[in-house]
Amino acid sequence: GNVYLAGETGSASGIASGGFQNTPGGGEDALLVKFDASGNRLWATYYGGSGNDRGYGVASDVSGNVYLAGRTGSAAGIASGGFQNIFAGGVYDAFLVKFDAVGKRLCATYYGGQYVDYGNSVATDASGYVYLAGETESAAGIATAGAFQDAYGPTKSTGFLVKFSSCFSALSVTAVSTDACLGQCIGTTTATPANGTAPYTYSWNTTPPQATKVATGLCIGTYSVTVTDAASNSATVAVAIAPSTLPPCCVISATVSSDPSSTVCVGQNVFISASGGTTYSWHTGATGANIVAAPSATTTYSVMVTDAAGCTGIGTLTVPVDPNCSATGIDQFNNAEVLQVAVWPNPSNGMFNVQWLMADGNTPCIEIYNVFGEKVYSAEVTPINHEPLTINLSFQPSGIYFLRVSPKSNATVSSGQVKTERETLNAKIVIQK
């Protein structure tokens, strides 16, 4: 196998080759050299900053990575992506650094408190954990609560043993959340710290701020929490409270359309339809997928749509109304043949729009008479509900006329008897030139 040598050096040359740090950092530096089984040097590196640094312990793991432990007096150039990335103070902190098989630094950490701390030896296990042993004169920032000996003493220099994950993870925090319904502030989120020193404090940026592990009463949005451990290390994570996708507050898409889809006259019938669900509840109180409206001003119609799973969605549609255009509506019939008719503009110069809603299968018959009872217009039109028909009476003189709308003119048979009387709608229209 390979052979590793750790130590210290004050030499400016003849030490490093193909390693992580090929020039000295200043003062004395730690060193690490890798040889193959025949004694050939594969790579070598300085390891240190501007202070005095020494390498005391070395170990490798099953993946071919190598670890160097020691002590450092350098406040920079030592830690990277580790548990403790800031020099804690005193004369020395312990350090631990991980290199891969070709000498690339993967991560490194200080380990120490406010006084003198040494890292004397390092070991690994088959699960990827790393163990650092050393000595300390620091009364804080070393032991975790509940460990075998979590208090400094009784002598001036106390041994320590610390277990790291494979890259000496720094304090980290994750957060999980429960979603909230639209318009309801019922979301929660829980922060979970790792790799730090208990106890922990929590600071959420909620309104008002919350200082517990679990934040509650959250509306839909993004929040953050900062967790600080007993060694004054801190980590921040953001978490989103999203709209719930489960009943009763999951959200579906609701589509609303109208016919006609353009600007309408005052009082003109508008046929509004919704889709996307199985039940519908309009703000007007109506139910069902389709409603008929005759707005007197520009109006927004909204509907709550619910699907078979209980999920809901809100759809809206604004119907623009031209206040300078008036449509005269005709009262509804209490029968199943002619439901509703509208005429506009009225009065007009002879050009009228007629819109109707007929029962399925009925063909409307439209007739117009003058004041002498003479029929001046007659048509049976294709039964396309909602679509307005334009009638041209511009060739008629000014005056009063009468519009009649009825089902198709042919007789029908009901219960063995012929029904010949047609049920009609009548309206007065005026031509003004």
Protein backbone atom coordinates (compact mmCIF):
# COMPACT_ATOMS: atom_id res chain seq x y z
CA GLY A 1 0.00 0.00 0.00
CA ASN A 2 0.88 3.65 0.09
CA VAL A 3 2.84 5.33 2.88
CA TYR A 4 2.10 8.79 4.34
CA LEU A 5 4.40 11.07 6.32
CA ALA A 6 3.17 14.04 8.40
CA GLY A 7 5.24 16.64 10.19
CA GLU A 8 6.41 20.24 10.15
CA THR A 9 8.89 22.22 8.09
CA GLY A 10 10.58 25.57 7.95
CA SER A 11 12.08 24.90 4.53
CA ALA A 12 11.09 27.03 1.55
CA SER A 13 12.02 24.41 -1.02
CA GLY A 14 12.49 20.69 -1.46
CA ILE A 15 9.24 19.85 0.25
CA ALA A 16 6.12 20.21 -1.93
CA SER A 17 5.50 18.64 -5.31
CA GLY A 18 2.16 18.27 -7.08
CA GLY A 19 0.19 18.82 -3.88
CA PHE A 20 -2.46 21.22 -2.67
CA GLN A 21 -0.04 23.93 -1.41
CA ASN A 22 3.29 24.08 -3.20
CA THR A 23 4.73 27.16 -1.48
CA PRO A 24 5.12 27.81 2.25
CA GLY A 25 2.56 29.95 3.99
CA GLY A 26 4.94 31.61 6.44
CA GLY A 27 6.54 30.63 9.73
CA GLU A 28 6.56 26.88 10.16
CA ASP A 29 4.13 24.86 8.07
CA ALA A 30 2.69 21.39 8.45
CA LEU A 31 3.63 18.95 5.70
CA LEU A 32 2.13 15.80 4.22
CA VAL A 33 3.88 13.44 1.80
CA LYS A 34 2.50 10.39 -0.02
CA PHE A 35 4.83 7.58 -1.14
CA ASP A 36 4.03 4.40 -3.00
CA ALA A 37 5.02 0.95 -1.71
CA SER A 38 8.45 1.26 -3.36
CA GLY A 39 9.22 4.57 -1.70
CA ASN A 40 8.57 6.78 -4.69
CA ARG A 41 7.12 10.15 -3.81
CA LEU A 42 3.69 10.58 -5.44
CA TRP A 43 2.92 14.06 -4.14
CA ALA A 44 3.70 16.35 -1.21
CA THR A 45 2.20 19.52 0.18
CA TYR A 46 2.77 22.27 2.67
CA TYR A 47 -0.22 23.04 4.86
CA GLY A 48 -0.28 26.32 6.74
CA GLY A 49 -0.87 30.03 6.85
CA SER A 50 1.12 32.95 8.18
CA GLY A 51 1.42 31.50 11.70
CA ASN A 52 3.18 28.39 12.96
CA ASP A 53 1.48 25.15 11.93
CA ARG A 54 2.37 21.52 12.65
CA GLY A 55 1.13 18.18 11.39
CA TYR A 56 0.86 15.48 14.04
CA GLY A 57 -1.46 12.73 12.86
CA VAL A 58 -2.31 11.08 9.54
CA ALA A 59 -4.86 8.44 8.45
CA SER A 60 -6.49 7.18 5.26
CA ASP A 61 -9.95 5.81 4.56
CA VAL A 62 -11.34 2.99 2.42
CA SER A 63 -11.83 5.39 -0.50
CA GLY A 64 -8.17 6.38 -0.67
CA ASN A 65 -8.61 9.79 0.94
CA VAL A 66 -6.05 10.94 3.48
CA TYR A 67 -6.50 13.06 6.62
CA LEU A 68 -3.94 15.30 8.33
CA ALA A 69 -4.40 16.47 11.92
CA GLY A 70 -2.34 19.05 13.80
CA ARG A 71 -2.32 22.43 15.40
CA THR A 72 -2.29 25.88 13.80
CA GLY A 73 -1.57 29.44 14.77
CA SER A 74 -2.85 30.78 11.45
CA ALA A 75 -6.11 32.71 11.31
CA ALA A 76 -6.48 32.17 7.56
CA GLY A 77 -5.63 29.59 4.92
CA ILE A 78 -6.64 26.61 7.04
CA ALA A 79 -10.41 25.91 7.08
CA SER A 80 -12.66 25.40 4.06
CA GLY A 81 -16.18 23.96 4.08
CA GLY A 82 -15.66 22.52 7.52
CA PHE A 83 -17.38 22.43 10.86
CA GLN A 84 -15.52 25.46 12.24
CA ASN A 85 -14.34 27.86 9.59
CA ILE A 86 -13.10 30.64 11.90
CA PHE A 87 -10.02 30.58 14.13
CA ALA A 88 -11.40 30.56 17.67
CA GLY A 89 -8.53 32.42 19.38
CA GLY A 90 -5.79 31.67 21.85
CA VAL A 91 -2.37 30.64 20.60
CA TYR A 92 -3.39 27.54 18.65
CA ASP A 93 -6.45 25.68 17.39
CA ALA A 94 -6.48 22.07 16.33
CA PHE A 95 -7.07 21.47 12.63
CA LEU A 96 -8.16 18.57 10.47
CA VAL A 97 -7.91 18.49 6.68
CA LYS A 98 -9.04 15.91 4.12
CA PHE A 99 -7.28 15.32 0.78
CA ASP A 100 -8.22 12.97 -2.03
CA ALA A 101 -5.86 10.35 -3.45
CA VAL A 102 -4.07 12.86 -5.70
CA GLY A 103 -3.60 15.58 -3.09
CA LYS A 104 -6.61 17.79 -3.76
CA ARG A 105 -8.06 19.35 -0.60
CA LEU A 106 -11.68 18.36 -0.11
CA CYS A 107 -12.47 20.10 3.16
CA ALA A 108 -10.78 21.37 6.31
CA THR A 109 -11.76 22.65 9.72
CA TYR A 110 -10.43 24.35 12.80
CA TYR A 111 -11.37 22.76 16.09
CA GLY A 112 -10.91 24.77 19.26
CA GLY A 113 -12.05 27.33 21.77
CA GLN A 114 -10.54 30.51 23.15
CA TYR A 115 -7.32 28.96 24.49
CA VAL A 116 -4.76 26.40 23.28
CA ASP A 117 -6.00 23.34 21.35
CA TYR A 118 -4.01 20.60 19.60
CA GLY A 119 -5.07 17.87 17.18
CA ASN A 120 -2.73 14.98 17.87
CA SER A 121 -4.14 12.00 15.97
CA VAL A 122 -6.84 11.01 13.49
CA ALA A 123 -8.62 7.77 12.60
CA THR A 124 -11.41 6.65 10.24
CA ASP A 125 -13.95 3.85 10.22
CA ALA A 126 -15.63 1.76 7.53
CA SER A 127 -18.77 3.93 7.65
CA GLY A 128 -16.91 7.05 6.59
CA TYR A 129 -16.73 8.79 9.96
CA VAL A 130 -13.56 10.57 11.04
CA TYR A 131 -12.24 10.80 14.63
CA LEU A 132 -9.94 13.54 15.88
CA ALA A 133 -8.15 13.20 19.23
CA GLY A 134 -6.20 15.93 20.95
CA GLU A 135 -5.80 18.13 23.97
CA THR A 136 -7.36 21.44 24.96
CA GLU A 137 -7.19 24.22 27.49
CA SER A 138 -10.53 25.68 26.33
CA ALA A 139 -13.52 25.49 28.65
CA ALA A 140 -16.08 25.99 25.86
CA GLY A 141 -16.58 25.10 22.22
CA ILE A 142 -15.16 21.56 22.57
CA ALA A 143 -17.57 19.04 24.12
CA THR A 144 -21.22 18.46 23.24
CA ALA A 145 -23.91 18.31 25.90
CA GLY A 146 -24.54 14.82 27.21
CA ALA A 147 -21.18 13.42 26.09
CA PHE A 148 -19.08 11.21 28.37
CA GLN A 149 -17.33 14.30 29.81
CA ASP A 150 -18.93 17.53 28.71
CA ALA A 151 -17.08 19.83 31.17
CA TYR A 152 -13.50 21.07 31.06
CA GLY A 153 -11.02 19.91 33.70
CA PRO A 154 -9.98 19.07 36.28
CA THR A 155 -6.41 19.63 35.01
CA LYS A 156 -5.15 22.52 32.90
CA SER A 157 -4.91 20.39 29.76
CA THR A 158 -7.80 18.04 29.00
CA GLY A 159 -8.00 15.44 26.27
CA PHE A 160 -10.84 15.45 23.74
CA LEU A 161 -12.26 13.16 21.09
CA VAL A 162 -14.58 14.41 18.35
CA LYS A 163 -16.46 12.48 15.65
CA PHE A 164 -17.11 14.07 12.25
CA SER A 165 -18.97 13.08 9.15
CA SER A 166 -16.70 12.49 6.19
CA CYS A 167 -16.13 16.17 5.47
CA PHE A 168 -16.43 17.70 8.94
CA SER A 169 -19.75 19.29 8.09
CA ALA A 170 -20.37 22.73 9.47
CA LEU A 171 -23.56 23.56 11.29
CA SER A 172 -26.40 23.11 8.85
CA VAL A 173 -30.14 23.45 9.07
CA THR A 174 -33.01 21.99 7.10
CA ALA A 175 -36.66 22.95 7.27
CA VAL A 176 -39.82 21.14 6.29
CA SER A 177 -43.23 22.74 6.00
CA THR A 178 -46.93 22.01 5.77
CA ASP A 179 -48.84 23.78 3.03
CA ALA A 180 -51.68 26.23 3.57
CA CYS A 181 -55.00 26.86 1.89
CA LEU A 182 -55.43 30.01 -0.14
CA GLY A 183 -56.35 32.86 2.16
CA GLN A 184 -55.66 30.89 5.34
CA CYS A 185 -52.55 31.35 7.49
CA ILE A 186 -52.31 27.82 8.86
CA GLY A 187 -48.93 26.69 7.54
CA THR A 188 -46.16 25.39 9.81
CA THR A 189 -42.46 24.78 9.32
CA THR A 190 -39.89 22.95 11.44
CA ALA A 191 -36.14 23.68 11.52
CA THR A 192 -33.71 20.81 12.17
CA PRO A 193 -30.04 21.69 12.84
CA ALA A 194 -27.17 19.24 12.29
CA ASN A 195 -23.45 19.08 13.03
CA GLY A 196 -23.59 21.89 15.56
CA THR A 197 -23.22 22.14 19.31
CA ALA A 198 -26.43 22.09 21.32
CA PRO A 199 -28.33 23.95 22.62
CA TYR A 200 -29.62 25.88 19.61
CA THR A 201 -31.49 29.16 19.28
CA TYR A 202 -33.92 29.95 16.45
CA SER A 203 -34.84 33.21 14.76
CA TRP A 204 -37.64 33.21 12.13
CA ASN A 205 -38.31 36.26 9.95
CA THR A 206 -42.05 35.93 10.46
CA THR A 207 -44.38 38.73 11.53
CA PRO A 208 -44.13 38.84 14.47
CA PRO A 209 -40.74 37.06 14.75
CA GLN A 210 -40.80 33.56 16.21
CA ALA A 211 -37.97 31.99 18.24
CA THR A 212 -38.92 28.32 18.47
CA LYS A 213 -37.96 25.22 16.50
CA VAL A 214 -41.43 25.15 14.91
CA ALA A 215 -42.96 28.28 13.36
CA THR A 216 -46.76 28.29 13.10
CA GLY A 217 -49.62 30.38 11.71
CA LEU A 218 -47.88 30.98 8.39
CA CYS A 219 -49.54 32.29 5.24
CA ILE A 220 -48.49 31.21 1.76
CA GLY A 221 -45.02 32.67 1.08
CA THR A 222 -41.29 32.24 1.71
CA TYR A 223 -39.68 32.46 5.15
CA SER A 224 -36.17 31.99 6.57
CA VAL A 225 -34.78 30.82 9.88
CA THR A 226 -31.33 31.42 11.36
CA VAL A 227 -30.11 28.77 13.81
CA THR A 228 -27.22 29.52 16.19
CA ASP A 229 -25.47 26.82 18.22
CA ALA A 230 -23.69 26.97 21.58
CA ALA A 231 -20.37 27.66 19.82
CA SER A 232 -21.88 30.77 18.16
CA ASN A 233 -21.91 29.12 14.73
CA SER A 234 -24.98 30.01 12.68
CA ALA A 235 -26.74 28.77 9.56
CA THR A 236 -29.74 30.08 7.64
CA VAL A 237 -32.22 28.30 5.41
CA ALA A 238 -35.27 29.45 3.45
CA VAL A 239 -38.51 27.50 3.30
CA ALA A 240 -41.69 28.04 1.27
CA ILE A 241 -45.29 27.62 2.39
CA ALA A 242 -47.08 26.58 -0.78
CA PRO A 243 -50.80 26.34 -1.66
CA SER A 244 -52.06 22.94 -0.60
CA THR A 245 -52.70 20.38 -3.32
CA LEU A 246 -54.99 18.29 -1.13
CA PRO A 247 -58.72 18.68 -0.39
CA PRO A 248 -60.32 20.76 0.90
CA CYS A 249 -57.91 23.45 -0.22
CA CYS A 250 -56.28 22.08 -3.34
CA VAL A 251 -56.55 24.37 -6.34
CA ILE A 252 -57.82 23.57 -9.82
CA SER A 253 -58.11 25.70 -12.92
CA ALA A 254 -61.50 27.23 -13.65
CA THR A 255 -62.30 28.59 -17.11
CA VAL A 256 -65.05 31.15 -17.73
CA SER A 257 -66.23 32.36 -21.13
CA SER A 258 -69.12 34.43 -22.48
CA ASP A 259 -71.19 34.72 -25.60
CA PRO A 260 -71.02 37.30 -26.99
CA SER A 261 -67.41 37.77 -25.90
CA SER A 262 -67.21 41.44 -26.87
CA THR A 263 -68.73 44.62 -25.43
CA VAL A 264 -72.51 44.38 -25.02
CA CYS A 265 -75.35 46.88 -24.72
CA VAL A 266 -77.10 47.82 -21.49
CA GLY A 267 -79.52 45.04 -20.61
CA GLN A 268 -78.31 42.72 -23.39
CA ASN A 269 -78.35 39.02 -22.62
CA VAL A 270 -74.92 37.47 -22.04
CA PHE A 271 -74.55 33.72 -21.81
CA ILE A 272 -71.71 32.91 -19.37
CA SER A 273 -70.26 29.40 -19.10
CA ALA A 274 -67.75 27.85 -16.69
CA SER A 275 -65.80 24.61 -16.98
CA GLY A 276 -63.21 22.62 -15.07
CA GLY A 277 -65.30 21.04 -12.35
CA THR A 278 -68.41 19.09 -11.51
CA THR A 279 -70.28 21.70 -9.43
CA TYR A 280 -70.43 25.48 -9.78
CA SER A 281 -71.39 28.28 -7.41
CA TRP A 282 -71.67 31.81 -8.83
CA HIS A 283 -71.37 34.99 -6.80
CA THR A 284 -74.90 35.84 -7.93
CA GLY A 285 -76.19 32.79 -6.07
CA ALA A 286 -76.79 30.80 -9.24
CA THR A 287 -75.57 27.22 -9.58
CA GLY A 288 -74.76 25.21 -12.65
CA ALA A 289 -72.15 25.62 -15.35
CA ASN A 290 -74.13 28.19 -17.37
CA ILE A 291 -75.92 31.39 -16.44
CA VAL A 292 -77.69 34.15 -18.38
CA ALA A 293 -76.98 37.73 -17.34
CA ALA A 294 -78.17 41.12 -18.55
CA PRO A 295 -75.74 43.59 -16.97
CA SER A 296 -76.64 47.26 -16.82
CA ALA A 297 -72.97 48.25 -16.37
CA THR A 298 -69.59 46.59 -16.78
CA THR A 299 -69.70 43.66 -14.35
CA THR A 300 -67.27 40.99 -13.17
CA TYR A 301 -68.77 37.55 -12.65
CA SER A 302 -67.02 34.98 -10.45
CA VAL A 303 -67.66 31.31 -9.88
CA MET A 304 -66.23 28.70 -7.50
CA VAL A 305 -65.63 25.43 -9.32
CA THR A 306 -65.33 22.13 -7.43
CA ASP A 307 -64.16 18.87 -8.94
CA ALA A 308 -64.94 15.26 -7.97
CA ALA A 309 -61.97 15.14 -5.57
CA GLY A 310 -63.18 18.20 -3.65
CA CYS A 311 -60.53 20.53 -5.07
CA THR A 312 -61.68 24.05 -5.83
CA GLY A 313 -60.82 26.92 -8.12
CA ILE A 314 -62.05 30.45 -8.71
CA GLY A 315 -62.84 31.74 -12.18
CA THR A 316 -63.72 35.31 -13.10
CA LEU A 317 -64.90 37.09 -16.21
CA THR A 318 -65.55 40.78 -16.78
CA VAL A 319 -68.36 41.65 -19.21
CA PRO A 320 -67.84 45.17 -20.64
CA VAL A 321 -71.03 47.18 -21.19
CA ASP A 322 -71.39 50.18 -23.52
CA PRO A 323 -73.54 52.70 -21.60
CA ASN A 324 -74.50 54.44 -24.86
CA CYS A 325 -76.15 51.30 -26.25
CA SER A 326 -79.41 50.01 -24.81
CA ALA A 327 -81.08 46.64 -25.32
CA THR A 328 -84.76 46.19 -24.46
CA GLY A 329 -85.32 42.82 -22.83
CA ILE A 330 -88.59 40.87 -23.04
CA ASP A 331 -89.95 39.11 -19.98
CA GLN A 332 -89.38 35.38 -19.69
CA PHE A 333 -92.12 32.92 -20.69
CA ASN A 334 -93.31 30.38 -18.17
CA ASN A 335 -93.01 27.57 -20.70
CA ALA A 336 -90.32 25.36 -22.14
CA GLU A 337 -90.34 26.80 -25.66
CA VAL A 338 -89.25 30.43 -25.59
CA LEU A 339 -87.09 31.35 -22.62
CA GLN A 340 -85.87 34.90 -23.20
CA VAL A 341 -85.45 37.46 -26.00
CA ALA A 342 -83.61 40.80 -26.18
CA VAL A 343 -83.73 43.60 -28.80
CA TRP A 344 -81.28 46.46 -29.27
CA PRO A 345 -80.86 49.27 -30.00
CA ASN A 346 -84.39 50.43 -29.43
CA PRO A 347 -85.27 52.99 -30.80
CA SER A 348 -83.01 52.61 -33.85
CA ASN A 349 -82.70 53.91 -37.40
CA GLY A 350 -84.13 50.65 -38.68
CA MET A 351 -81.28 48.23 -37.87
CA PHE A 352 -82.15 45.95 -34.93
CA ASN A 353 -80.33 43.09 -33.20
CA VAL A 354 -82.47 40.29 -31.84
CA GLN A 355 -81.05 37.69 -29.47
CA TRP A 356 -82.95 34.71 -28.07
CA LEU A 357 -82.64 31.70 -25.85
CA MET A 358 -84.84 28.82 -27.03
CA ALA A 359 -85.38 25.36 -25.67
CA ASP A 360 -83.25 22.73 -27.39
CA GLY A 361 -84.52 21.80 -30.84
CA ASN A 362 -86.88 24.77 -31.27
CA THR A 363 -86.63 27.02 -34.32
CA PRO A 364 -87.60 30.60 -33.53
CA CYS A 365 -90.09 32.33 -35.80
CA ILE A 366 -89.63 36.11 -35.88
CA GLU A 367 -92.36 38.41 -37.20
CA ILE A 368 -92.62 42.21 -37.25
CA TYR A 369 -95.90 44.16 -37.81
CA ASN A 370 -96.59 47.84 -38.32
CA VAL A 371 -99.38 49.75 -36.51
CA PHE A 372 -101.84 48.78 -39.28
CA GLY A 373 -101.32 45.07 -38.56
CA GLU A 374 -99.35 44.54 -41.76
CA LYS A 375 -96.49 42.04 -41.54
CA VAL A 376 -93.30 43.79 -42.68
CA TYR A 377 -90.82 41.06 -41.73
CA SER A 378 -90.95 37.31 -41.19
CA ALA A 379 -88.26 34.65 -40.80
CA GLU A 380 -87.70 31.24 -39.35
CA VAL A 381 -84.01 31.08 -38.41
CA THR A 382 -81.60 28.30 -37.60
CA PRO A 383 -81.88 27.49 -33.89
CA ILE A 384 -78.46 28.76 -32.77
CA ASN A 385 -78.94 30.06 -29.24
CA HIS A 386 -76.99 33.13 -28.07
CA GLU A 387 -76.05 34.41 -31.53
CA PRO A 388 -77.81 37.74 -32.29
CA LEU A 389 -79.72 38.21 -35.57
CA THR A 390 -79.51 41.56 -37.37
CA ILE A 391 -82.83 42.71 -38.91
CA ASN A 392 -82.81 45.47 -41.52
CA LEU A 393 -85.97 47.63 -41.46
CA SER A 394 -84.25 50.75 -42.74
CA PHE A 395 -86.59 50.78 -45.74
CA GLN A 396 -89.60 51.20 -43.41
CA PRO A 397 -90.80 54.63 -42.33
CA SER A 398 -90.38 55.96 -38.84
CA GLY A 399 -92.96 54.71 -36.40
CA ILE A 400 -93.97 52.04 -33.94
CA TYR A 401 -93.66 48.35 -34.83
CA PHE A 402 -94.39 45.14 -32.98
CA LEU A 403 -91.99 42.21 -32.71
CA ARG A 404 -93.30 38.68 -32.14
CA VAL A 405 -91.01 35.73 -31.34
CA SER A 406 -92.46 32.24 -31.10
CA PRO A 407 -91.49 28.60 -31.59
CA LYS A 408 -91.67 27.06 -35.06
CA SER A 409 -94.98 27.67 -36.87
CA ASN A 410 -95.95 24.06 -37.67
CA ALA A 411 -98.50 22.41 -35.39
CA THR A 412 -97.45 19.74 -32.90
CA VAL A 413 -99.34 16.78 -31.47
CA SER A 414 -99.59 16.44 -27.68
CA SER A 415 -101.60 13.75 -25.81
CA GLY A 416 -103.54 12.85 -28.97
CA GLN A 417 -104.67 16.41 -29.73
CA VAL A 418 -103.28 18.90 -32.21
CA LYS A 419 -101.79 21.97 -30.60
CA THR A 420 -102.09 24.89 -33.01
CA GLU A 421 -101.79 27.92 -30.78
CA ARG A 422 -98.29 29.26 -30.62
CA GLU A 423 -96.91 30.79 -27.42
CA THR A 424 -95.27 34.09 -28.35
CA LEU A 425 -93.27 36.94 -26.95
CA ASN A 426 -94.24 40.49 -27.97
CA ALA A 427 -92.26 43.69 -27.81
CA LYS A 428 -92.69 47.21 -29.13
CA ILE A 429 -89.87 48.57 -31.22
CA VAL A 430 -89.44 52.07 -32.63
CA ILE A 431 -87.84 53.33 -35.81
CA GLN A 432 -86.59 56.92 -35.64
CA LYS A 433 -84.89 58.50 -38.64
